[in-house]
Amino acid sequence: MSKPIVIEKSVPTNKKLYSSVKSRIKKKFKVWPSAYASAALVKAYKAAGGGYRNESVTIENPVYRLEGYTTNCEGKISELHFGIQEATTEVLGEAEYRGRKVSLGKPFRTPSGPKKFSVYVKNPQGNIVKVNFGHKGEGGKKTMKIKKSNAARRKSFRARHRCGTPGPRHKARYWSCRFGWPSSGKGAIDKT
């Protein structure tokens, strides 16, 4: 187990004013959240008379998870971005499906399954479901190659499957868009 950590964060004092300013600022920026949009939000909120107070939060059992990364001009990873949260069974990704322990949100190959990949996730009702996705092939034939390094194929797939709005996590389209055909090359973390 990890040592408990204390995180201090700034909390707006007037939540109603903050949410109205936030909705107004969100309309002005295409990308949310971004550094420019966040800075504009803080500036507009303070100009409208809002303020912030510091609040300490203790996380007893912290878990660090990869949220994304930044690449340089050559396409190589230059920074990793991690988030911290409390370790619960949901965060650790442990659950029970049909009497056995399974890990949530981690796609795996299904050699004898109905599709090429499967993943266990929690649906909105709180039940653990198995989502099958990917092209399996017919009979003894080999499955389709993904070839996600080809930008034209990747763009075509993402347009055909509407990956800009992939839908909920408990649907196959979400996992096909995120896992099989990420928006920017091999193994990229897709935030759409």
N, C-alpha and C. Protein backbone atom coordinates (compact mmCIF):
# COMPACT_ATOMS: atom_id res chain seq x y z
N MET A 1 0.83 -1.19 0.00
CA MET A 1 0.00 0.00 0.00
C MET A 1 0.87 1.26 0.00
N SER A 2 0.39 2.30 -0.64
CA SER A 2 1.10 3.57 -0.71
C SER A 2 0.83 4.41 0.53
N LYS A 3 1.71 5.36 0.78
CA LYS A 3 1.51 6.29 1.89
C LYS A 3 0.42 7.27 1.53
N PRO A 4 -0.37 7.72 2.54
CA PRO A 4 -1.39 8.74 2.25
C PRO A 4 -0.73 10.05 1.82
N ILE A 5 -1.38 10.76 0.91
CA ILE A 5 -0.85 12.05 0.47
C ILE A 5 -1.92 13.12 0.66
N VAL A 6 -1.48 14.36 0.86
CA VAL A 6 -2.38 15.50 1.03
C VAL A 6 -2.24 16.39 -0.20
N ILE A 7 -3.38 16.69 -0.82
CA ILE A 7 -3.40 17.55 -2.00
C ILE A 7 -4.18 18.80 -1.66
N GLU A 8 -3.61 19.96 -1.97
CA GLU A 8 -4.33 21.21 -1.79
C GLU A 8 -4.83 21.66 -3.15
N LYS A 9 -6.12 22.02 -3.20
CA LYS A 9 -6.68 22.50 -4.45
C LYS A 9 -7.51 23.74 -4.20
N SER A 10 -7.59 24.59 -5.23
CA SER A 10 -8.37 25.81 -5.15
C SER A 10 -9.82 25.52 -5.53
N VAL A 11 -10.73 25.98 -4.67
CA VAL A 11 -12.16 25.74 -4.89
C VAL A 11 -12.84 27.10 -5.01
N PRO A 12 -13.73 27.30 -6.01
CA PRO A 12 -14.42 28.58 -6.14
C PRO A 12 -15.36 28.82 -4.96
N THR A 13 -15.41 30.07 -4.49
CA THR A 13 -16.26 30.41 -3.35
C THR A 13 -17.72 30.57 -3.75
N ASN A 14 -17.99 31.01 -4.97
CA ASN A 14 -19.36 31.21 -5.44
C ASN A 14 -19.60 30.24 -6.61
N LYS A 15 -20.18 29.07 -6.30
CA LYS A 15 -20.32 28.01 -7.31
C LYS A 15 -21.29 28.40 -8.43
N LYS A 16 -22.36 29.13 -8.10
CA LYS A 16 -23.34 29.52 -9.12
C LYS A 16 -22.70 30.47 -10.15
N LEU A 17 -21.97 31.46 -9.66
CA LEU A 17 -21.28 32.41 -10.54
C LEU A 17 -20.23 31.67 -11.37
N TYR A 18 -19.48 30.75 -10.73
CA TYR A 18 -18.43 30.00 -11.40
C TYR A 18 -19.00 29.18 -12.55
N SER A 19 -20.13 28.48 -12.32
CA SER A 19 -20.70 27.64 -13.37
C SER A 19 -21.24 28.48 -14.54
N SER A 20 -21.81 29.67 -14.25
CA SER A 20 -22.30 30.50 -15.35
C SER A 20 -21.15 31.07 -16.18
N VAL A 21 -20.06 31.48 -15.51
CA VAL A 21 -18.89 31.98 -16.23
C VAL A 21 -18.25 30.85 -17.03
N LYS A 22 -18.20 29.65 -16.44
CA LYS A 22 -17.60 28.50 -17.11
C LYS A 22 -18.36 28.15 -18.39
N SER A 23 -19.70 28.14 -18.33
CA SER A 23 -20.48 27.81 -19.53
C SER A 23 -20.29 28.87 -20.62
N ARG A 24 -20.16 30.14 -20.21
CA ARG A 24 -19.94 31.21 -21.18
C ARG A 24 -18.56 31.07 -21.84
N ILE A 25 -17.53 30.76 -21.05
CA ILE A 25 -16.16 30.63 -21.56
C ILE A 25 -16.04 29.38 -22.44
N LYS A 26 -16.72 28.28 -22.07
CA LYS A 26 -16.65 27.04 -22.86
C LYS A 26 -17.13 27.25 -24.29
N LYS A 27 -18.10 28.14 -24.48
CA LYS A 27 -18.63 28.42 -25.82
C LYS A 27 -17.61 29.11 -26.71
N LYS A 28 -16.66 29.83 -26.10
CA LYS A 28 -15.68 30.59 -26.87
C LYS A 28 -14.52 29.73 -27.38
N PHE A 29 -14.25 28.58 -26.74
CA PHE A 29 -13.09 27.77 -27.07
C PHE A 29 -13.51 26.43 -27.67
N LYS A 30 -12.82 26.02 -28.74
CA LYS A 30 -13.11 24.74 -29.37
C LYS A 30 -12.61 23.58 -28.51
N VAL A 31 -11.42 23.74 -27.92
CA VAL A 31 -10.82 22.69 -27.11
C VAL A 31 -11.06 22.99 -25.64
N TRP A 32 -11.67 22.03 -24.94
CA TRP A 32 -11.90 22.17 -23.51
C TRP A 32 -11.60 20.84 -22.86
N PRO A 33 -10.82 20.75 -21.79
CA PRO A 33 -10.06 21.82 -21.16
C PRO A 33 -8.75 22.08 -21.90
N SER A 34 -8.30 23.31 -21.84
CA SER A 34 -7.01 23.69 -22.38
C SER A 34 -6.44 24.78 -21.48
N ALA A 35 -5.17 25.05 -21.61
CA ALA A 35 -4.52 26.05 -20.77
C ALA A 35 -5.12 27.44 -21.03
N TYR A 36 -5.36 27.77 -22.30
CA TYR A 36 -5.91 29.08 -22.63
C TYR A 36 -7.33 29.23 -22.08
N ALA A 37 -8.14 28.18 -22.24
CA ALA A 37 -9.52 28.24 -21.77
C ALA A 37 -9.58 28.34 -20.24
N SER A 38 -8.72 27.58 -19.56
CA SER A 38 -8.70 27.62 -18.10
C SER A 38 -8.26 28.99 -17.60
N ALA A 39 -7.27 29.57 -18.25
CA ALA A 39 -6.80 30.91 -17.87
C ALA A 39 -7.90 31.95 -18.09
N ALA A 40 -8.62 31.84 -19.21
CA ALA A 40 -9.72 32.77 -19.49
C ALA A 40 -10.83 32.61 -18.46
N LEU A 41 -11.09 31.37 -18.03
CA LEU A 41 -12.11 31.12 -17.02
C LEU A 41 -11.76 31.78 -15.69
N VAL A 42 -10.52 31.60 -15.24
CA VAL A 42 -10.08 32.20 -13.98
C VAL A 42 -10.15 33.72 -14.05
N LYS A 43 -9.68 34.29 -15.16
CA LYS A 43 -9.68 35.74 -15.33
C LYS A 43 -11.10 36.30 -15.33
N ALA A 44 -12.02 35.67 -16.07
CA ALA A 44 -13.41 36.14 -16.14
C ALA A 44 -14.12 35.96 -14.80
N TYR A 45 -13.86 34.85 -14.12
CA TYR A 45 -14.49 34.59 -12.82
C TYR A 45 -14.05 35.62 -11.79
N LYS A 46 -12.76 35.93 -11.76
CA LYS A 46 -12.26 36.93 -10.81
C LYS A 46 -12.77 38.32 -11.16
N ALA A 47 -12.88 38.63 -12.47
CA ALA A 47 -13.39 39.93 -12.91
C ALA A 47 -14.86 40.11 -12.52
N ALA A 48 -15.60 39.00 -12.46
CA ALA A 48 -17.02 39.05 -12.09
C ALA A 48 -17.21 39.11 -10.58
N GLY A 49 -16.11 39.08 -9.82
CA GLY A 49 -16.19 39.21 -8.36
C GLY A 49 -16.05 37.90 -7.62
N GLY A 50 -15.71 36.84 -8.30
CA GLY A 50 -15.53 35.55 -7.65
C GLY A 50 -14.16 35.42 -7.00
N GLY A 51 -14.04 34.46 -6.13
CA GLY A 51 -12.76 34.21 -5.46
C GLY A 51 -12.54 32.71 -5.28
N TYR A 52 -11.39 32.36 -4.74
CA TYR A 52 -11.05 30.97 -4.50
C TYR A 52 -10.61 30.80 -3.07
N ARG A 53 -10.81 29.60 -2.53
CA ARG A 53 -10.27 29.25 -1.21
C ARG A 53 -9.52 27.93 -1.36
N ASN A 54 -8.49 27.72 -0.56
CA ASN A 54 -7.72 26.48 -0.61
C ASN A 54 -8.38 25.42 0.25
N GLU A 55 -8.42 24.20 -0.26
CA GLU A 55 -9.02 23.09 0.45
C GLU A 55 -8.05 21.93 0.42
N SER A 56 -7.81 21.31 1.57
CA SER A 56 -6.91 20.16 1.65
C SER A 56 -7.70 18.87 1.56
N VAL A 57 -7.24 17.96 0.74
CA VAL A 57 -7.87 16.65 0.58
C VAL A 57 -6.81 15.59 0.84
N THR A 58 -7.11 14.64 1.73
CA THR A 58 -6.18 13.56 2.03
C THR A 58 -6.62 12.32 1.27
N ILE A 59 -5.71 11.76 0.50
CA ILE A 59 -5.98 10.53 -0.23
C ILE A 59 -5.24 9.41 0.50
N GLU A 60 -6.01 8.49 1.10
CA GLU A 60 -5.44 7.44 1.95
C GLU A 60 -4.64 6.41 1.15
N ASN A 61 -5.20 5.97 0.04
CA ASN A 61 -4.56 4.92 -0.75
C ASN A 61 -4.44 5.40 -2.20
N PRO A 62 -3.43 6.25 -2.53
CA PRO A 62 -3.37 6.85 -3.87
C PRO A 62 -3.01 5.87 -4.97
N VAL A 63 -3.61 6.10 -6.14
CA VAL A 63 -3.29 5.34 -7.34
C VAL A 63 -2.96 6.35 -8.42
N TYR A 64 -1.86 6.15 -9.11
CA TYR A 64 -1.45 7.04 -10.18
C TYR A 64 -1.85 6.40 -11.51
N ARG A 65 -2.53 7.16 -12.37
CA ARG A 65 -2.94 6.62 -13.66
C ARG A 65 -2.50 7.56 -14.77
N LEU A 66 -2.13 6.99 -15.89
CA LEU A 66 -1.69 7.78 -17.04
C LEU A 66 -2.89 8.43 -17.70
N GLU A 67 -2.88 9.77 -17.81
CA GLU A 67 -3.99 10.50 -18.42
C GLU A 67 -3.69 10.92 -19.85
N GLY A 68 -2.43 10.97 -20.22
CA GLY A 68 -2.08 11.37 -21.57
C GLY A 68 -0.59 11.65 -21.67
N TYR A 69 -0.19 12.14 -22.82
CA TYR A 69 1.21 12.47 -23.02
C TYR A 69 1.34 13.56 -24.06
N THR A 70 2.52 14.17 -24.11
CA THR A 70 2.82 15.22 -25.08
C THR A 70 3.96 14.73 -25.96
N THR A 71 3.87 15.01 -27.25
CA THR A 71 4.94 14.62 -28.17
C THR A 71 5.68 15.85 -28.67
N ASN A 72 6.93 15.66 -29.04
CA ASN A 72 7.71 16.76 -29.61
C ASN A 72 7.51 16.78 -31.13
N CYS A 73 8.26 17.65 -31.83
CA CYS A 73 8.08 17.81 -33.27
C CYS A 73 8.45 16.56 -34.06
N GLU A 74 9.24 15.66 -33.49
CA GLU A 74 9.63 14.43 -34.17
C GLU A 74 8.66 13.29 -33.90
N GLY A 75 7.64 13.56 -33.08
CA GLY A 75 6.65 12.53 -32.77
C GLY A 75 7.04 11.64 -31.60
N LYS A 76 8.10 11.96 -30.90
CA LYS A 76 8.52 11.16 -29.75
C LYS A 76 7.89 11.72 -28.48
N ILE A 77 7.61 10.84 -27.53
CA ILE A 77 6.97 11.25 -26.28
C ILE A 77 7.95 12.10 -25.48
N SER A 78 7.49 13.30 -25.06
CA SER A 78 8.36 14.18 -24.29
C SER A 78 7.89 14.34 -22.85
N GLU A 79 6.58 14.22 -22.60
CA GLU A 79 6.05 14.34 -21.24
C GLU A 79 4.94 13.34 -21.03
N LEU A 80 4.85 12.80 -19.82
CA LEU A 80 3.73 11.95 -19.43
C LEU A 80 2.90 12.71 -18.42
N HIS A 81 1.57 12.60 -18.50
CA HIS A 81 0.67 13.29 -17.59
C HIS A 81 -0.05 12.26 -16.73
N PHE A 82 0.14 12.34 -15.41
CA PHE A 82 -0.48 11.39 -14.50
C PHE A 82 -1.53 12.08 -13.64
N GLY A 83 -2.56 11.33 -13.27
CA GLY A 83 -3.57 11.79 -12.34
C GLY A 83 -3.51 10.94 -11.09
N ILE A 84 -3.97 11.49 -9.98
CA ILE A 84 -3.95 10.78 -8.70
C ILE A 84 -5.39 10.66 -8.22
N GLN A 85 -5.75 9.47 -7.74
CA GLN A 85 -7.06 9.31 -7.14
C GLN A 85 -7.03 8.20 -6.10
N GLU A 86 -8.09 8.12 -5.32
CA GLU A 86 -8.22 7.11 -4.27
C GLU A 86 -8.36 5.73 -4.89
N ALA A 87 -7.69 4.75 -4.30
CA ALA A 87 -7.77 3.39 -4.82
C ALA A 87 -9.02 2.71 -4.29
N THR A 88 -9.96 2.43 -5.16
CA THR A 88 -11.16 1.66 -4.83
C THR A 88 -11.17 0.46 -5.76
N THR A 89 -12.13 -0.41 -5.58
CA THR A 89 -12.18 -1.58 -6.47
C THR A 89 -12.46 -1.14 -7.90
N GLU A 90 -13.22 -0.04 -8.09
CA GLU A 90 -13.48 0.47 -9.43
C GLU A 90 -12.20 1.00 -10.07
N VAL A 91 -11.42 1.77 -9.29
CA VAL A 91 -10.18 2.35 -9.81
C VAL A 91 -9.17 1.26 -10.12
N LEU A 92 -9.05 0.29 -9.21
CA LEU A 92 -8.11 -0.79 -9.44
C LEU A 92 -8.57 -1.70 -10.56
N GLY A 93 -9.85 -1.59 -10.92
CA GLY A 93 -10.35 -2.35 -12.05
C GLY A 93 -10.62 -3.80 -11.73
N GLU A 94 -11.03 -4.09 -10.50
CA GLU A 94 -11.34 -5.46 -10.13
C GLU A 94 -12.84 -5.60 -9.99
N ALA A 95 -13.38 -6.69 -10.50
CA ALA A 95 -14.80 -6.95 -10.38
C ALA A 95 -15.04 -8.45 -10.52
N GLU A 96 -16.29 -8.84 -10.32
CA GLU A 96 -16.64 -10.24 -10.48
C GLU A 96 -17.64 -10.37 -11.61
N TYR A 97 -17.34 -11.27 -12.54
CA TYR A 97 -18.21 -11.52 -13.69
C TYR A 97 -18.46 -13.01 -13.77
N ARG A 98 -19.71 -13.42 -13.58
CA ARG A 98 -20.10 -14.82 -13.61
C ARG A 98 -19.25 -15.68 -12.69
N GLY A 99 -19.03 -15.17 -11.48
CA GLY A 99 -18.34 -15.95 -10.45
C GLY A 99 -16.83 -15.94 -10.49
N ARG A 100 -16.20 -15.15 -11.36
CA ARG A 100 -14.73 -15.10 -11.37
C ARG A 100 -14.26 -13.66 -11.39
N LYS A 101 -13.06 -13.44 -10.88
CA LYS A 101 -12.48 -12.10 -10.82
C LYS A 101 -12.01 -11.69 -12.21
N VAL A 102 -12.36 -10.47 -12.62
CA VAL A 102 -11.92 -9.94 -13.91
C VAL A 102 -11.42 -8.51 -13.70
N SER A 103 -10.58 -8.04 -14.61
CA SER A 103 -10.10 -6.66 -14.54
C SER A 103 -10.93 -5.81 -15.49
N LEU A 104 -11.35 -4.64 -15.02
CA LEU A 104 -12.22 -3.77 -15.80
C LEU A 104 -11.42 -2.85 -16.70
N GLY A 105 -11.94 -2.60 -17.91
CA GLY A 105 -11.36 -1.60 -18.80
C GLY A 105 -10.05 -1.98 -19.45
N LYS A 106 -9.69 -3.26 -19.47
CA LYS A 106 -8.45 -3.70 -20.10
C LYS A 106 -8.77 -4.67 -21.23
N PRO A 107 -8.72 -4.22 -22.49
CA PRO A 107 -9.05 -5.11 -23.60
C PRO A 107 -8.08 -6.28 -23.72
N PHE A 108 -8.61 -7.43 -24.13
CA PHE A 108 -7.78 -8.63 -24.30
C PHE A 108 -8.25 -9.38 -25.55
N ARG A 109 -7.35 -10.19 -26.12
CA ARG A 109 -7.70 -10.98 -27.31
C ARG A 109 -8.57 -12.16 -26.91
N THR A 110 -9.49 -12.51 -27.79
CA THR A 110 -10.36 -13.66 -27.56
C THR A 110 -10.14 -14.67 -28.68
N PRO A 111 -9.24 -15.64 -28.49
CA PRO A 111 -8.91 -16.57 -29.56
C PRO A 111 -10.09 -17.43 -30.01
N SER A 112 -10.98 -17.79 -29.09
CA SER A 112 -12.12 -18.62 -29.50
C SER A 112 -13.44 -17.88 -29.35
N GLY A 113 -13.39 -16.57 -29.15
CA GLY A 113 -14.60 -15.79 -28.93
C GLY A 113 -15.28 -15.35 -30.22
N PRO A 114 -16.41 -14.65 -30.07
CA PRO A 114 -17.15 -14.21 -31.25
C PRO A 114 -16.47 -13.08 -32.02
N LYS A 115 -15.58 -12.34 -31.37
CA LYS A 115 -14.89 -11.22 -32.00
C LYS A 115 -13.40 -11.30 -31.69
N LYS A 116 -12.62 -10.35 -32.22
CA LYS A 116 -11.17 -10.36 -32.06
C LYS A 116 -10.74 -9.96 -30.64
N PHE A 117 -11.45 -8.98 -30.03
CA PHE A 117 -11.11 -8.49 -28.70
C PHE A 117 -12.35 -8.48 -27.81
N SER A 118 -12.12 -8.48 -26.50
CA SER A 118 -13.19 -8.30 -25.53
C SER A 118 -12.68 -7.44 -24.39
N VAL A 119 -13.60 -6.85 -23.64
CA VAL A 119 -13.24 -6.05 -22.47
C VAL A 119 -14.41 -6.12 -21.49
N TYR A 120 -14.09 -6.15 -20.20
CA TYR A 120 -15.13 -6.13 -19.17
C TYR A 120 -15.29 -4.68 -18.69
N VAL A 121 -16.54 -4.20 -18.64
CA VAL A 121 -16.83 -2.85 -18.17
C VAL A 121 -18.11 -2.85 -17.34
N LYS A 122 -18.32 -1.75 -16.65
CA LYS A 122 -19.53 -1.58 -15.86
C LYS A 122 -20.51 -0.74 -16.66
N ASN A 123 -21.75 -1.22 -16.83
CA ASN A 123 -22.75 -0.45 -17.57
C ASN A 123 -23.46 0.54 -16.65
N PRO A 124 -24.31 1.42 -17.16
CA PRO A 124 -24.96 2.44 -16.32
C PRO A 124 -25.79 1.88 -15.17
N GLN A 125 -26.29 0.66 -15.32
CA GLN A 125 -27.07 0.04 -14.24
C GLN A 125 -26.17 -0.51 -13.13
N GLY A 126 -24.86 -0.51 -13.36
CA GLY A 126 -23.92 -0.99 -12.35
C GLY A 126 -23.52 -2.45 -12.53
N ASN A 127 -24.00 -3.09 -13.59
CA ASN A 127 -23.66 -4.49 -13.86
C ASN A 127 -22.37 -4.59 -14.65
N ILE A 128 -21.63 -5.66 -14.43
CA ILE A 128 -20.41 -5.92 -15.20
C ILE A 128 -20.83 -6.65 -16.48
N VAL A 129 -20.41 -6.11 -17.63
CA VAL A 129 -20.74 -6.73 -18.91
C VAL A 129 -19.47 -6.95 -19.72
N LYS A 130 -19.53 -7.94 -20.61
CA LYS A 130 -18.41 -8.23 -21.50
C LYS A 130 -18.75 -7.64 -22.86
N VAL A 131 -17.88 -6.75 -23.36
CA VAL A 131 -18.09 -6.11 -24.65
C VAL A 131 -17.12 -6.73 -25.65
N ASN A 132 -17.66 -7.29 -26.73
CA ASN A 132 -16.85 -7.89 -27.79
C ASN A 132 -16.75 -6.91 -28.95
N PHE A 133 -15.55 -6.76 -29.53
CA PHE A 133 -15.38 -5.84 -30.65
C PHE A 133 -14.22 -6.29 -31.52
N GLY A 134 -14.19 -5.78 -32.76
CA GLY A 134 -13.11 -6.10 -33.70
C GLY A 134 -13.55 -7.14 -34.71
N HIS A 135 -12.85 -7.20 -35.85
CA HIS A 135 -13.15 -8.15 -36.91
C HIS A 135 -12.53 -9.50 -36.59
N LYS A 136 -13.32 -10.56 -36.59
CA LYS A 136 -12.82 -11.87 -36.22
C LYS A 136 -12.35 -12.69 -37.41
N GLY A 137 -12.97 -12.55 -38.55
CA GLY A 137 -12.63 -13.40 -39.68
C GLY A 137 -13.65 -14.52 -39.81
N GLU A 138 -13.59 -15.27 -40.91
CA GLU A 138 -14.56 -16.33 -41.14
C GLU A 138 -13.85 -17.67 -41.22
N GLY A 139 -14.38 -18.66 -40.52
CA GLY A 139 -13.83 -20.00 -40.56
C GLY A 139 -12.36 -20.04 -40.21
N GLY A 140 -11.54 -20.63 -41.08
CA GLY A 140 -10.12 -20.73 -40.83
C GLY A 140 -9.31 -19.57 -41.36
N LYS A 141 -10.00 -18.57 -41.95
CA LYS A 141 -9.30 -17.42 -42.52
C LYS A 141 -8.71 -16.54 -41.43
N LYS A 142 -7.66 -15.82 -41.78
CA LYS A 142 -7.05 -14.89 -40.83
C LYS A 142 -7.92 -13.66 -40.67
N THR A 143 -7.74 -12.96 -39.55
CA THR A 143 -8.51 -11.75 -39.31
C THR A 143 -7.89 -10.58 -40.06
N MET A 144 -8.64 -9.50 -40.16
CA MET A 144 -8.16 -8.30 -40.84
C MET A 144 -6.98 -7.70 -40.08
N LYS A 145 -6.03 -7.18 -40.79
CA LYS A 145 -4.93 -6.43 -40.17
C LYS A 145 -5.43 -5.04 -39.84
N ILE A 146 -5.03 -4.51 -38.71
CA ILE A 146 -5.52 -3.20 -38.30
C ILE A 146 -4.81 -2.08 -39.05
N LYS A 147 -3.50 -2.15 -39.24
CA LYS A 147 -2.72 -1.15 -39.98
C LYS A 147 -3.05 0.28 -39.55
N LYS A 148 -3.02 0.49 -38.23
CA LYS A 148 -3.37 1.82 -37.71
C LYS A 148 -2.26 2.85 -37.92
N SER A 149 -1.10 2.43 -38.41
CA SER A 149 -0.03 3.39 -38.68
C SER A 149 -0.27 4.14 -40.01
N ASN A 150 -1.19 3.65 -40.84
CA ASN A 150 -1.52 4.30 -42.11
C ASN A 150 -2.55 5.41 -41.83
N ALA A 151 -2.15 6.66 -41.98
CA ALA A 151 -3.01 7.79 -41.61
C ALA A 151 -4.30 7.84 -42.42
N ALA A 152 -4.27 7.49 -43.69
CA ALA A 152 -5.47 7.53 -44.53
C ALA A 152 -6.49 6.50 -44.06
N ARG A 153 -6.03 5.29 -43.75
CA ARG A 153 -6.93 4.25 -43.26
C ARG A 153 -7.51 4.62 -41.90
N ARG A 154 -6.65 5.18 -41.05
CA ARG A 154 -7.09 5.58 -39.71
C ARG A 154 -8.17 6.65 -39.82
N LYS A 155 -7.96 7.63 -40.69
CA LYS A 155 -8.93 8.72 -40.88
C LYS A 155 -10.25 8.18 -41.41
N SER A 156 -10.17 7.28 -42.38
CA SER A 156 -11.38 6.69 -42.97
C SER A 156 -12.17 5.88 -41.94
N PHE A 157 -11.46 5.07 -41.15
CA PHE A 157 -12.13 4.27 -40.12
C PHE A 157 -12.83 5.16 -39.11
N ARG A 158 -12.11 6.20 -38.65
CA ARG A 158 -12.66 7.08 -37.62
C ARG A 158 -13.87 7.85 -38.15
N ALA A 159 -13.88 8.21 -39.44
CA ALA A 159 -15.03 8.89 -40.03
C ALA A 159 -16.21 7.92 -40.17
N ARG A 160 -15.93 6.72 -40.63
CA ARG A 160 -16.97 5.72 -40.85
C ARG A 160 -17.67 5.31 -39.55
N HIS A 161 -16.90 5.24 -38.47
CA HIS A 161 -17.46 4.82 -37.18
C HIS A 161 -17.81 5.98 -36.25
N ARG A 162 -17.72 7.22 -36.76
CA ARG A 162 -18.05 8.42 -35.98
C ARG A 162 -17.30 8.42 -34.64
N CYS A 163 -15.98 8.30 -34.72
CA CYS A 163 -15.15 8.23 -33.52
C CYS A 163 -15.03 9.56 -32.79
N GLY A 164 -15.48 10.65 -33.41
CA GLY A 164 -15.48 11.93 -32.71
C GLY A 164 -16.43 11.90 -31.53
N THR A 165 -17.49 11.10 -31.63
CA THR A 165 -18.44 10.89 -30.54
C THR A 165 -18.60 9.39 -30.37
N PRO A 166 -17.66 8.73 -29.66
CA PRO A 166 -17.64 7.27 -29.63
C PRO A 166 -18.74 6.62 -28.80
N GLY A 167 -19.51 7.39 -28.04
CA GLY A 167 -20.58 6.79 -27.26
C GLY A 167 -20.10 6.28 -25.91
N PRO A 168 -20.95 5.53 -25.20
CA PRO A 168 -20.61 5.06 -23.85
C PRO A 168 -19.59 3.93 -23.84
N ARG A 169 -18.94 3.75 -22.69
CA ARG A 169 -17.89 2.73 -22.55
C ARG A 169 -18.42 1.31 -22.69
N HIS A 170 -19.70 1.09 -22.47
CA HIS A 170 -20.22 -0.28 -22.52
C HIS A 170 -20.70 -0.67 -23.92
N LYS A 171 -20.28 0.09 -24.95
CA LYS A 171 -20.62 -0.23 -26.34
C LYS A 171 -19.35 -0.55 -27.12
N ALA A 172 -19.48 -1.40 -28.13
CA ALA A 172 -18.32 -1.85 -28.92
C ALA A 172 -17.68 -0.71 -29.70
N ARG A 173 -18.47 0.25 -30.17
CA ARG A 173 -17.92 1.35 -30.97
C ARG A 173 -16.91 2.17 -30.18
N TYR A 174 -17.18 2.40 -28.90
CA TYR A 174 -16.26 3.14 -28.04
C TYR A 174 -14.89 2.45 -28.03
N TRP A 175 -14.89 1.14 -27.82
CA TRP A 175 -13.62 0.41 -27.70
C TRP A 175 -12.93 0.25 -29.05
N SER A 176 -13.69 0.10 -30.13
CA SER A 176 -13.07 0.01 -31.46
C SER A 176 -12.36 1.31 -31.79
N CYS A 177 -13.01 2.44 -31.48
CA CYS A 177 -12.41 3.74 -31.78
C CYS A 177 -11.21 4.02 -30.89
N ARG A 178 -11.31 3.69 -29.62
CA ARG A 178 -10.25 4.02 -28.67
C ARG A 178 -9.08 3.05 -28.74
N PHE A 179 -9.37 1.78 -28.82
CA PHE A 179 -8.32 0.76 -28.75
C PHE A 179 -7.74 0.43 -30.13
N GLY A 180 -8.60 0.18 -31.10
CA GLY A 180 -8.13 -0.28 -32.40
C GLY A 180 -7.59 0.81 -33.29
N TRP A 181 -8.24 1.99 -33.28
CA TRP A 181 -7.89 3.05 -34.22
C TRP A 181 -7.74 4.38 -33.49
N PRO A 182 -6.74 4.55 -32.63
CA PRO A 182 -6.59 5.84 -31.95
C PRO A 182 -6.34 6.96 -32.95
N SER A 183 -6.63 8.20 -32.54
CA SER A 183 -6.60 9.32 -33.46
C SER A 183 -5.22 9.69 -33.96
N SER A 184 -4.15 9.36 -33.22
CA SER A 184 -2.84 9.82 -33.66
C SER A 184 -1.78 8.73 -33.56
N GLY A 185 -1.88 7.74 -34.42
CA GLY A 185 -0.80 6.76 -34.57
C GLY A 185 -0.90 5.59 -33.62
N LYS A 186 0.15 4.77 -33.61
CA LYS A 186 0.17 3.52 -32.88
C LYS A 186 0.11 3.73 -31.37
N GLY A 187 -0.88 3.13 -30.72
CA GLY A 187 -0.95 3.12 -29.28
C GLY A 187 -1.23 4.45 -28.61
N ALA A 188 -1.71 5.43 -29.33
CA ALA A 188 -1.95 6.75 -28.74
C ALA A 188 -3.14 6.69 -27.82
N ILE A 189 -3.15 7.53 -26.81
CA ILE A 189 -4.29 7.64 -25.91
C ILE A 189 -5.24 8.64 -26.53
N ASP A 190 -6.43 8.18 -26.84
CA ASP A 190 -7.40 9.00 -27.55
C ASP A 190 -8.37 9.62 -26.56
N LYS A 191 -8.45 10.93 -26.51
CA LYS A 191 -9.33 11.61 -25.57
C LYS A 191 -10.67 11.99 -26.14
N THR A 192 -10.96 11.60 -27.38
CA THR A 192 -12.26 11.95 -27.95
C THR A 192 -13.33 11.00 -27.48
